[in-house]
Amino acid sequence: MYAQPNDWGQASLDTRWAAAVAEFGMLLRNSPNKGMADWAHCLQIAREAVGRDRSGYRAEMIGMIEQAMAVAP
């Protein structure tokens, strides 16, 4: 028996962060599997999933997304 999928609102911050990182990678590579992913969505879900960022790595990643957005075609 399969578990029922959870609503996005029930996803943990870490799961949401992982989704932002995966979307970022697909956008950087212009993956044929990116579906409807776009830079604005990637940045939005990353910003919403920062949580406690003790080392500043998530803030740094958000900066990379913003930089990539600025130069993306």
PDB file of N, CA and C in Angstrom:
ATOM      1  N   MET A   1       0.836  -1.161   0.000  1.00  0.00           N
ATOM      2  CA  MET A   1       0.000   0.000   0.000  1.00  0.00           C
ATOM      3  C   MET A   1       0.899   1.247   0.000  1.00  0.00           C
ATOM      4  N   TYR A   2       0.527   2.238  -0.796  1.00  0.00           N
ATOM      5  CA  TYR A   2       1.295   3.470  -0.897  1.00  0.00           C
ATOM      6  C   TYR A   2       0.758   4.516   0.073  1.00  0.00           C
ATOM      7  N   ALA A   3       1.658   5.338   0.568  1.00  0.00           N
ATOM      8  CA  ALA A   3       1.246   6.444   1.433  1.00  0.00           C
ATOM      9  C   ALA A   3       0.587   7.526   0.584  1.00  0.00           C
ATOM     10  N   GLN A   4      -0.340   8.216   1.161  1.00  0.00           N
ATOM     11  CA  GLN A   4      -1.000   9.310   0.464  1.00  0.00           C
ATOM     12  C   GLN A   4      -0.038  10.499   0.369  1.00  0.00           C
ATOM     13  N   PRO A   5       0.015  11.159  -0.792  1.00  0.00           N
ATOM     14  CA  PRO A   5       0.888  12.329  -0.900  1.00  0.00           C
ATOM     15  C   PRO A   5       0.384  13.454  -0.008  1.00  0.00           C
ATOM     16  N   ASN A   6       1.302  14.199   0.548  1.00  0.00           N
ATOM     17  CA  ASN A   6       0.944  15.315   1.410  1.00  0.00           C
ATOM     18  C   ASN A   6       0.739  16.578   0.598  1.00  0.00           C
ATOM     19  N   ASP A   7      -0.034  17.443   1.138  1.00  0.00           N
ATOM     20  CA  ASP A   7      -0.241  18.769   0.581  1.00  0.00           C
ATOM     21  C   ASP A   7       1.055  19.566   0.759  1.00  0.00           C
ATOM     22  N   TRP A   8       1.353  20.472  -0.186  1.00  0.00           N
ATOM     23  CA  TRP A   8       2.568  21.286  -0.105  1.00  0.00           C
ATOM     24  C   TRP A   8       2.628  22.027   1.230  1.00  0.00           C
ATOM     25  N   GLY A   9       1.492  22.453   1.734  1.00  0.00           N
ATOM     26  CA  GLY A   9       1.446  23.170   3.006  1.00  0.00           C
ATOM     27  C   GLY A   9       1.870  22.327   4.191  1.00  0.00           C
ATOM     28  N   GLN A  10       1.852  21.017   4.033  1.00  0.00           N
ATOM     29  CA  GLN A  10       2.265  20.123   5.114  1.00  0.00           C
ATOM     30  C   GLN A  10       3.740  19.739   5.022  1.00  0.00           C
ATOM     31  N   ALA A  11       4.395  20.126   3.938  1.00  0.00           N
ATOM     32  CA  ALA A  11       5.800  19.763   3.751  1.00  0.00           C
ATOM     33  C   ALA A  11       6.678  20.527   4.745  1.00  0.00           C
ATOM     34  N   SER A  12       7.714  19.867   5.246  1.00  0.00           N
ATOM     35  CA  SER A  12       8.630  20.520   6.176  1.00  0.00           C
ATOM     36  C   SER A  12       9.458  21.580   5.440  1.00  0.00           C
ATOM     37  N   LEU A  13      10.080  22.473   6.203  1.00  0.00           N
ATOM     38  CA  LEU A  13      10.953  23.477   5.587  1.00  0.00           C
ATOM     39  C   LEU A  13      12.100  22.818   4.827  1.00  0.00           C
ATOM     40  N   ASP A  14      12.635  21.742   5.373  1.00  0.00           N
ATOM     41  CA  ASP A  14      13.736  21.055   4.691  1.00  0.00           C
ATOM     42  C   ASP A  14      13.292  20.445   3.372  1.00  0.00           C
ATOM     43  N   THR A  15      12.079  19.902   3.329  1.00  0.00           N
ATOM     44  CA  THR A  15      11.560  19.343   2.080  1.00  0.00           C
ATOM     45  C   THR A  15      11.336  20.445   1.060  1.00  0.00           C
ATOM     46  N   ARG A  16      10.801  21.560   1.513  1.00  0.00           N
ATOM     47  CA  ARG A  16      10.603  22.695   0.610  1.00  0.00           C
ATOM     48  C   ARG A  16      11.943  23.223   0.097  1.00  0.00           C
ATOM     49  N   TRP A  17      12.924  23.278   0.989  1.00  0.00           N
ATOM     50  CA  TRP A  17      14.253  23.739   0.583  1.00  0.00           C
ATOM     51  C   TRP A  17      14.835  22.803  -0.473  1.00  0.00           C
ATOM     52  N   ALA A  18      14.702  21.509  -0.256  1.00  0.00           N
ATOM     53  CA  ALA A  18      15.207  20.530  -1.223  1.00  0.00           C
ATOM     54  C   ALA A  18      14.542  20.710  -2.582  1.00  0.00           C
ATOM     55  N   ALA A  19      13.252  21.036  -2.586  1.00  0.00           N
ATOM     56  CA  ALA A  19      12.546  21.272  -3.841  1.00  0.00           C
ATOM     57  C   ALA A  19      13.110  22.502  -4.553  1.00  0.00           C
ATOM     58  N   ALA A  20      13.429  23.548  -3.799  1.00  0.00           N
ATOM     59  CA  ALA A  20      14.009  24.757  -4.392  1.00  0.00           C
ATOM     60  C   ALA A  20      15.383  24.461  -4.987  1.00  0.00           C
ATOM     61  N   VAL A  21      16.177  23.686  -4.282  1.00  0.00           N
ATOM     62  CA  VAL A  21      17.514  23.332  -4.773  1.00  0.00           C
ATOM     63  C   VAL A  21      17.411  22.492  -6.046  1.00  0.00           C
ATOM     64  N   ALA A  22      16.485  21.536  -6.059  1.00  0.00           N
ATOM     65  CA  ALA A  22      16.297  20.701  -7.249  1.00  0.00           C
ATOM     66  C   ALA A  22      15.821  21.539  -8.427  1.00  0.00           C
ATOM     67  N   GLU A  23      14.889  22.452  -8.171  1.00  0.00           N
ATOM     68  CA  GLU A  23      14.392  23.311  -9.242  1.00  0.00           C
ATOM     69  C   GLU A  23      15.517  24.198  -9.774  1.00  0.00           C
ATOM     70  N   PHE A  24      16.339  24.722  -8.891  1.00  0.00           N
ATOM     71  CA  PHE A  24      17.472  25.553  -9.292  1.00  0.00           C
ATOM     72  C   PHE A  24      18.398  24.776 -10.225  1.00  0.00           C
ATOM     73  N   GLY A  25      18.710  23.549  -9.859  1.00  0.00           N
ATOM     74  CA  GLY A  25      19.571  22.724 -10.701  1.00  0.00           C
ATOM     75  C   GLY A  25      18.974  22.471 -12.072  1.00  0.00           C
ATOM     76  N   MET A  26      17.686  22.191 -12.114  1.00  0.00           N
ATOM     77  CA  MET A  26      17.039  21.947 -13.409  1.00  0.00           C
ATOM     78  C   MET A  26      17.023  23.209 -14.272  1.00  0.00           C
ATOM     79  N   LEU A  27      16.825  24.357 -13.642  1.00  0.00           N
ATOM     80  CA  LEU A  27      16.831  25.605 -14.396  1.00  0.00           C
ATOM     81  C   LEU A  27      18.222  25.932 -14.910  1.00  0.00           C
ATOM     82  N   LEU A  28      19.240  25.713 -14.087  1.00  0.00           N
ATOM     83  CA  LEU A  28      20.617  25.971 -14.527  1.00  0.00           C
ATOM     84  C   LEU A  28      20.989  25.131 -15.744  1.00  0.00           C
ATOM     85  N   ARG A  29      20.551  23.896 -15.742  1.00  0.00           N
ATOM     86  CA  ARG A  29      20.873  22.982 -16.846  1.00  0.00           C
ATOM     87  C   ARG A  29      19.901  23.097 -18.006  1.00  0.00           C
ATOM     88  N   ASN A  30      18.838  23.887 -17.822  1.00  0.00           N
ATOM     89  CA  ASN A  30      17.752  23.951 -18.790  1.00  0.00           C
ATOM     90  C   ASN A  30      17.257  22.543 -19.106  1.00  0.00           C
ATOM     91  N   SER A  31      17.017  21.801 -18.050  1.00  0.00           N
ATOM     92  CA  SER A  31      16.615  20.404 -18.156  1.00  0.00           C
ATOM     93  C   SER A  31      15.306  20.244 -18.925  1.00  0.00           C
ATOM     94  N   PRO A  32      15.229  19.235 -19.781  1.00  0.00           N
ATOM     95  CA  PRO A  32      13.967  18.969 -20.464  1.00  0.00           C
ATOM     96  C   PRO A  32      12.889  18.486 -19.490  1.00  0.00           C
ATOM     97  N   ASN A  33      13.292  18.148 -18.267  1.00  0.00           N
ATOM     98  CA  ASN A  33      12.352  17.674 -17.250  1.00  0.00           C
ATOM     99  C   ASN A  33      11.894  18.774 -16.302  1.00  0.00           C
ATOM    100  N   LYS A  34      12.224  20.031 -16.603  1.00  0.00           N
ATOM    101  CA  LYS A  34      11.889  21.120 -15.689  1.00  0.00           C
ATOM    102  C   LYS A  34      10.409  21.462 -15.675  1.00  0.00           C
ATOM    103  N   GLY A  35       9.678  20.974 -16.641  1.00  0.00           N
ATOM    104  CA  GLY A  35       8.241  21.255 -16.662  1.00  0.00           C
ATOM    105  C   GLY A  35       7.977  22.737 -16.719  1.00  0.00           C
ATOM    106  N   MET A  36       7.164  23.230 -15.793  1.00  0.00           N
ATOM    107  CA  MET A  36       6.809  24.648 -15.768  1.00  0.00           C
ATOM    108  C   MET A  36       7.662  25.437 -14.779  1.00  0.00           C
ATOM    109  N   ALA A  37       8.764  24.871 -14.329  1.00  0.00           N
ATOM    110  CA  ALA A  37       9.649  25.553 -13.377  1.00  0.00           C
ATOM    111  C   ALA A  37      10.151  26.860 -13.972  1.00  0.00           C
ATOM    112  N   ASP A  38      10.227  27.875 -13.115  1.00  0.00           N
ATOM    113  CA  ASP A  38      10.804  29.141 -13.563  1.00  0.00           C
ATOM    114  C   ASP A  38      11.550  29.788 -12.394  1.00  0.00           C
ATOM    115  N   TRP A  39      12.338  30.799 -12.720  1.00  0.00           N
ATOM    116  CA  TRP A  39      13.206  31.432 -11.730  1.00  0.00           C
ATOM    117  C   TRP A  39      12.415  32.061 -10.590  1.00  0.00           C
ATOM    118  N   ALA A  40      11.320  32.714 -10.912  1.00  0.00           N
ATOM    119  CA  ALA A  40      10.531  33.384  -9.874  1.00  0.00           C
ATOM    120  C   ALA A  40       9.985  32.375  -8.866  1.00  0.00           C
ATOM    121  N   HIS A  41       9.510  31.243  -9.348  1.00  0.00           N
ATOM    122  CA  HIS A  41       8.982  30.208  -8.444  1.00  0.00           C
ATOM    123  C   HIS A  41      10.098  29.648  -7.581  1.00  0.00           C
ATOM    124  N   CYS A  42      11.236  29.385  -8.191  1.00  0.00           N
ATOM    125  CA  CYS A  42      12.387  28.857  -7.461  1.00  0.00           C
ATOM    126  C   CYS A  42      12.772  29.797  -6.325  1.00  0.00           C
ATOM    127  N   LEU A  43      12.866  31.085  -6.626  1.00  0.00           N
ATOM    128  CA  LEU A  43      13.229  32.073  -5.614  1.00  0.00           C
ATOM    129  C   LEU A  43      12.165  32.149  -4.523  1.00  0.00           C
ATOM    130  N   GLN A  44      10.914  32.104  -4.898  1.00  0.00           N
ATOM    131  CA  GLN A  44       9.830  32.181  -3.919  1.00  0.00           C
ATOM    132  C   GLN A  44       9.876  31.023  -2.933  1.00  0.00           C
ATOM    133  N   ILE A  45       9.986  29.800  -3.440  1.00  0.00           N
ATOM    134  CA  ILE A  45       9.965  28.666  -2.498  1.00  0.00           C
ATOM    135  C   ILE A  45      11.244  28.617  -1.669  1.00  0.00           C
ATOM    136  N   ALA A  46      12.359  29.079  -2.225  1.00  0.00           N
ATOM    137  CA  ALA A  46      13.599  29.136  -1.445  1.00  0.00           C
ATOM    138  C   ALA A  46      13.461  30.141  -0.303  1.00  0.00           C
ATOM    139  N   ARG A  47      12.944  31.321  -0.596  1.00  0.00           N
ATOM    140  CA  ARG A  47      12.774  32.344   0.445  1.00  0.00           C
ATOM    141  C   ARG A  47      11.823  31.879   1.540  1.00  0.00           C
ATOM    142  N   GLU A  48      10.804  31.132   1.163  1.00  0.00           N
ATOM    143  CA  GLU A  48       9.830  30.650   2.146  1.00  0.00           C
ATOM    144  C   GLU A  48      10.367  29.493   2.982  1.00  0.00           C
ATOM    145  N   ALA A  49      11.476  28.903   2.564  1.00  0.00           N
ATOM    146  CA  ALA A  49      12.005  27.719   3.253  1.00  0.00           C
ATOM    147  C   ALA A  49      13.332  27.972   3.968  1.00  0.00           C
ATOM    148  N   VAL A  50      13.696  29.218   4.169  1.00  0.00           N
ATOM    149  CA  VAL A  50      14.989  29.512   4.800  1.00  0.00           C
ATOM    150  C   VAL A  50      15.051  28.955   6.217  1.00  0.00           C
ATOM    151  N   GLY A  51      14.030  29.205   7.011  1.00  0.00           N
ATOM    152  CA  GLY A  51      14.035  28.702   8.385  1.00  0.00           C
ATOM    153  C   GLY A  51      15.224  29.240   9.163  1.00  0.00           C
ATOM    154  N   ARG A  52      15.728  28.445  10.108  1.00  0.00           N
ATOM    155  CA  ARG A  52      16.925  28.830  10.869  1.00  0.00           C
ATOM    156  C   ARG A  52      18.144  28.536  10.011  1.00  0.00           C
ATOM    157  N   ASP A  53      18.796  29.573   9.610  1.00  0.00           N
ATOM    158  CA  ASP A  53      19.939  29.456   8.702  1.00  0.00           C
ATOM    159  C   ASP A  53      21.199  29.879   9.454  1.00  0.00           C
ATOM    160  N   ARG A  54      21.602  29.063  10.417  1.00  0.00           N
ATOM    161  CA  ARG A  54      22.709  29.410  11.313  1.00  0.00           C
ATOM    162  C   ARG A  54      24.006  29.738  10.596  1.00  0.00           C
ATOM    163  N   SER A  55      24.307  28.994   9.561  1.00  0.00           N
ATOM    164  CA  SER A  55      25.579  29.183   8.858  1.00  0.00           C
ATOM    165  C   SER A  55      25.462  30.115   7.659  1.00  0.00           C
ATOM    166  N   GLY A  56      24.261  30.501   7.303  1.00  0.00           N
ATOM    167  CA  GLY A  56      24.071  31.408   6.186  1.00  0.00           C
ATOM    168  C   GLY A  56      24.101  30.748   4.822  1.00  0.00           C
ATOM    169  N   TYR A  57      24.110  29.421   4.781  1.00  0.00           N
ATOM    170  CA  TYR A  57      24.179  28.717   3.496  1.00  0.00           C
ATOM    171  C   TYR A  57      22.918  28.920   2.657  1.00  0.00           C
ATOM    172  N   ARG A  58      21.784  28.931   3.320  1.00  0.00           N
ATOM    173  CA  ARG A  58      20.535  29.106   2.567  1.00  0.00           C
ATOM    174  C   ARG A  58      20.436  30.522   2.018  1.00  0.00           C
ATOM    175  N   ALA A  59      20.873  31.511   2.785  1.00  0.00           N
ATOM    176  CA  ALA A  59      20.883  32.889   2.290  1.00  0.00           C
ATOM    177  C   ALA A  59      21.831  33.007   1.095  1.00  0.00           C
ATOM    178  N   GLU A  60      22.957  32.319   1.169  1.00  0.00           N
ATOM    179  CA  GLU A  60      23.909  32.325   0.053  1.00  0.00           C
ATOM    180  C   GLU A  60      23.283  31.707  -1.194  1.00  0.00           C
ATOM    181  N   MET A  61      22.538  30.635  -1.020  1.00  0.00           N
ATOM    182  CA  MET A  61      21.861  29.983  -2.142  1.00  0.00           C
ATOM    183  C   MET A  61      20.823  30.921  -2.759  1.00  0.00           C
ATOM    184  N   ILE A  62      20.101  31.632  -1.928  1.00  0.00           N
ATOM    185  CA  ILE A  62      19.123  32.597  -2.441  1.00  0.00           C
ATOM    186  C   ILE A  62      19.839  33.656  -3.274  1.00  0.00           C
ATOM    187  N   GLY A  63      21.003  34.092  -2.817  1.00  0.00           N
ATOM    188  CA  GLY A  63      21.793  35.037  -3.599  1.00  0.00           C
ATOM    189  C   GLY A  63      22.197  34.471  -4.947  1.00  0.00           C
ATOM    190  N   MET A  64      22.531  33.190  -4.987  1.00  0.00           N
ATOM    191  CA  MET A  64      22.896  32.558  -6.261  1.00  0.00           C
ATOM    192  C   MET A  64      21.692  32.482  -7.199  1.00  0.00           C
ATOM    193  N   ILE A  65      20.525  32.199  -6.644  1.00  0.00           N
ATOM    194  CA  ILE A  65      19.313  32.171  -7.466  1.00  0.00           C
ATOM    195  C   ILE A  65      19.069  33.558  -8.059  1.00  0.00           C
ATOM    196  N   GLU A  66      19.208  34.591  -7.235  1.00  0.00           N
ATOM    197  CA  GLU A  66      19.003  35.961  -7.718  1.00  0.00           C
ATOM    198  C   GLU A  66      20.005  36.326  -8.812  1.00  0.00           C
ATOM    199  N   GLN A  67      21.247  35.910  -8.640  1.00  0.00           N
ATOM    200  CA  GLN A  67      22.268  36.187  -9.663  1.00  0.00           C
ATOM    201  C   GLN A  67      21.952  35.451 -10.966  1.00  0.00           C
ATOM    202  N   ALA A  68      21.539  34.210 -10.845  1.00  0.00           N
ATOM    203  CA  ALA A  68      21.191  33.432 -12.035  1.00  0.00           C
ATOM    204  C   ALA A  68      19.992  34.045 -12.754  1.00  0.00           C
ATOM    205  N   MET A  69      19.026  34.535 -11.989  1.00  0.00           N
ATOM    206  CA  MET A  69      17.860  35.193 -12.584  1.00  0.00           C
ATOM    207  C   MET A  69      18.286  36.406 -13.409  1.00  0.00           C
ATOM    208  N   ALA A  70      19.268  37.137 -12.890  1.00  0.00           N
ATOM    209  CA  ALA A  70      19.703  38.378 -13.546  1.00  0.00           C
ATOM    210  C   ALA A  70      20.351  38.132 -14.901  1.00  0.00           C
ATOM    211  N   VAL A  71      20.965  36.970 -15.068  1.00  0.00           N
ATOM    212  CA  VAL A  71      21.674  36.699 -16.323  1.00  0.00           C
ATOM    213  C   VAL A  71      20.974  35.662 -17.198  1.00  0.00           C
ATOM    214  N   ALA A  72      19.900  35.082 -16.686  1.00  0.00           N
ATOM    215  CA  ALA A  72      19.186  34.046 -17.474  1.00  0.00           C
ATOM    216  C   ALA A  72      18.505  34.681 -18.679  1.00  0.00           C
ATOM    217  N   PRO A  73      18.503  33.944 -19.779  1.00  0.00           N
ATOM    218  CA  PRO A  73      17.819  34.472 -20.977  1.00  0.00           C
ATOM    219  C   PRO A  73      16.313  34.529 -20.799  1.00  0.00           C
TER     220      PRO A  73
END
